[in-house]
Amino acid sequence: MEKLGETIKELRVERGLTQPQLAKLVGVSNGMISVWENNVNEPKASYVKKLATVLGVTSDYLLNME
């Protein structure tokens, strides 16, 4: 099973977004995307929702619950 960070990175790359671009769309710092993608920390629920919307998936998909 993939970790959340791996899923975020995979979807970001598939959509042709850089970390800074995704950060701007979600409303966080560039470094925060890196922290999430490297599984150092997980995003709060409110950011999971924003990430899912920006990346075009459901929150359940992002959290590997689907």
C-alpha atoms as a PDB file:
ATOM      1  CA  MET A   1       0.000   0.000   0.000  1.00  0.00           C
ATOM      2  CA  GLU A   2       1.294   3.406  -0.950  1.00  0.00           C
ATOM      3  CA  LYS A   3       1.789   6.067   1.649  1.00  0.00           C
ATOM      4  CA  LEU A   4      -0.016   9.377   1.345  1.00  0.00           C
ATOM      5  CA  GLY A   5       3.139  11.223   0.292  1.00  0.00           C
ATOM      6  CA  GLU A   6       3.799   8.827  -2.558  1.00  0.00           C
ATOM      7  CA  THR A   7       0.230   9.252  -3.770  1.00  0.00           C
ATOM      8  CA  ILE A   8       0.498  13.054  -3.666  1.00  0.00           C
ATOM      9  CA  LYS A   9       3.759  12.999  -5.619  1.00  0.00           C
ATOM     10  CA  GLU A  10       2.477  10.518  -8.187  1.00  0.00           C
ATOM     11  CA  LEU A  11      -0.656  12.582  -8.859  1.00  0.00           C
ATOM     12  CA  ARG A  12       1.301  15.851  -8.956  1.00  0.00           C
ATOM     13  CA  VAL A  13       3.750  14.479 -11.524  1.00  0.00           C
ATOM     14  CA  GLU A  14       0.935  12.925 -13.617  1.00  0.00           C
ATOM     15  CA  ARG A  15      -0.714  16.342 -13.794  1.00  0.00           C
ATOM     16  CA  GLY A  16       2.516  18.070 -14.786  1.00  0.00           C
ATOM     17  CA  LEU A  17       2.739  20.230 -11.674  1.00  0.00           C
ATOM     18  CA  THR A  18       5.883  21.258  -9.838  1.00  0.00           C
ATOM     19  CA  GLN A  19       5.963  21.369  -6.052  1.00  0.00           C
ATOM     20  CA  PRO A  20       5.810  25.200  -6.073  1.00  0.00           C
ATOM     21  CA  GLN A  21       2.825  25.151  -8.439  1.00  0.00           C
ATOM     22  CA  LEU A  22       0.932  22.662  -6.272  1.00  0.00           C
ATOM     23  CA  ALA A  23       1.823  24.615  -3.144  1.00  0.00           C
ATOM     24  CA  LYS A  24       0.370  27.796  -4.626  1.00  0.00           C
ATOM     25  CA  LEU A  25      -2.840  26.028  -5.663  1.00  0.00           C
ATOM     26  CA  VAL A  26      -3.274  24.477  -2.217  1.00  0.00           C
ATOM     27  CA  GLY A  27      -2.197  27.575  -0.289  1.00  0.00           C
ATOM     28  CA  VAL A  28       0.885  26.271   1.507  1.00  0.00           C
ATOM     29  CA  SER A  29       4.632  26.868   1.300  1.00  0.00           C
ATOM     30  CA  ASN A  30       6.760  25.058  -1.264  1.00  0.00           C
ATOM     31  CA  GLY A  31       8.528  23.215   1.535  1.00  0.00           C
ATOM     32  CA  MET A  32       5.288  21.823   2.895  1.00  0.00           C
ATOM     33  CA  ILE A  33       4.642  19.861  -0.306  1.00  0.00           C
ATOM     34  CA  SER A  34       8.095  18.310   0.040  1.00  0.00           C
ATOM     35  CA  VAL A  35       7.423  17.440   3.681  1.00  0.00           C
ATOM     36  CA  TRP A  36       4.185  15.698   2.694  1.00  0.00           C
ATOM     37  CA  GLU A  37       5.661  13.889  -0.309  1.00  0.00           C
ATOM     38  CA  ASN A  38       8.553  12.576   1.777  1.00  0.00           C
ATOM     39  CA  ASN A  39       6.162  11.323   4.477  1.00  0.00           C
ATOM     40  CA  VAL A  40       7.794  13.490   7.123  1.00  0.00           C
ATOM     41  CA  ASN A  41       4.381  14.798   8.125  1.00  0.00           C
ATOM     42  CA  GLU A  42       0.814  14.417   6.869  1.00  0.00           C
ATOM     43  CA  PRO A  43      -1.490  17.247   5.799  1.00  0.00           C
ATOM     44  CA  LYS A  44      -4.391  18.347   7.994  1.00  0.00           C
ATOM     45  CA  ALA A  45      -7.842  17.251   6.834  1.00  0.00           C
ATOM     46  CA  SER A  46      -8.534  20.689   5.347  1.00  0.00           C
ATOM     47  CA  TYR A  47      -5.440  20.373   3.137  1.00  0.00           C
ATOM     48  CA  VAL A  48      -6.320  16.806   2.157  1.00  0.00           C
ATOM     49  CA  LYS A  49      -9.597  18.198   0.809  1.00  0.00           C
ATOM     50  CA  LYS A  50      -7.785  20.971  -1.105  1.00  0.00           C
ATOM     51  CA  LEU A  51      -5.193  18.535  -2.467  1.00  0.00           C
ATOM     52  CA  ALA A  52      -7.928  16.176  -3.649  1.00  0.00           C
ATOM     53  CA  THR A  53      -9.770  18.997  -5.395  1.00  0.00           C
ATOM     54  CA  VAL A  54      -6.642  20.372  -7.089  1.00  0.00           C
ATOM     55  CA  LEU A  55      -5.438  16.909  -8.122  1.00  0.00           C
ATOM     56  CA  GLY A  56      -8.871  15.858  -9.382  1.00  0.00           C
ATOM     57  CA  VAL A  57      -9.474  12.910  -7.078  1.00  0.00           C
ATOM     58  CA  THR A  58     -11.563  12.205  -3.998  1.00  0.00           C
ATOM     59  CA  SER A  59     -10.204  12.514  -0.488  1.00  0.00           C
ATOM     60  CA  ASP A  60     -10.779   8.766  -0.091  1.00  0.00           C
ATOM     61  CA  TYR A  61      -8.635   8.067  -3.143  1.00  0.00           C
ATOM     62  CA  LEU A  62      -5.894  10.339  -1.859  1.00  0.00           C
ATOM     63  CA  LEU A  63      -5.935   8.512   1.469  1.00  0.00           C
ATOM     64  CA  ASN A  64      -5.938   5.114  -0.296  1.00  0.00           C
ATOM     65  CA  MET A  65      -9.339   4.247   1.131  1.00  0.00           C
ATOM     66  CA  GLU A  66     -11.013   3.609  -2.230  1.00  0.00           C
END
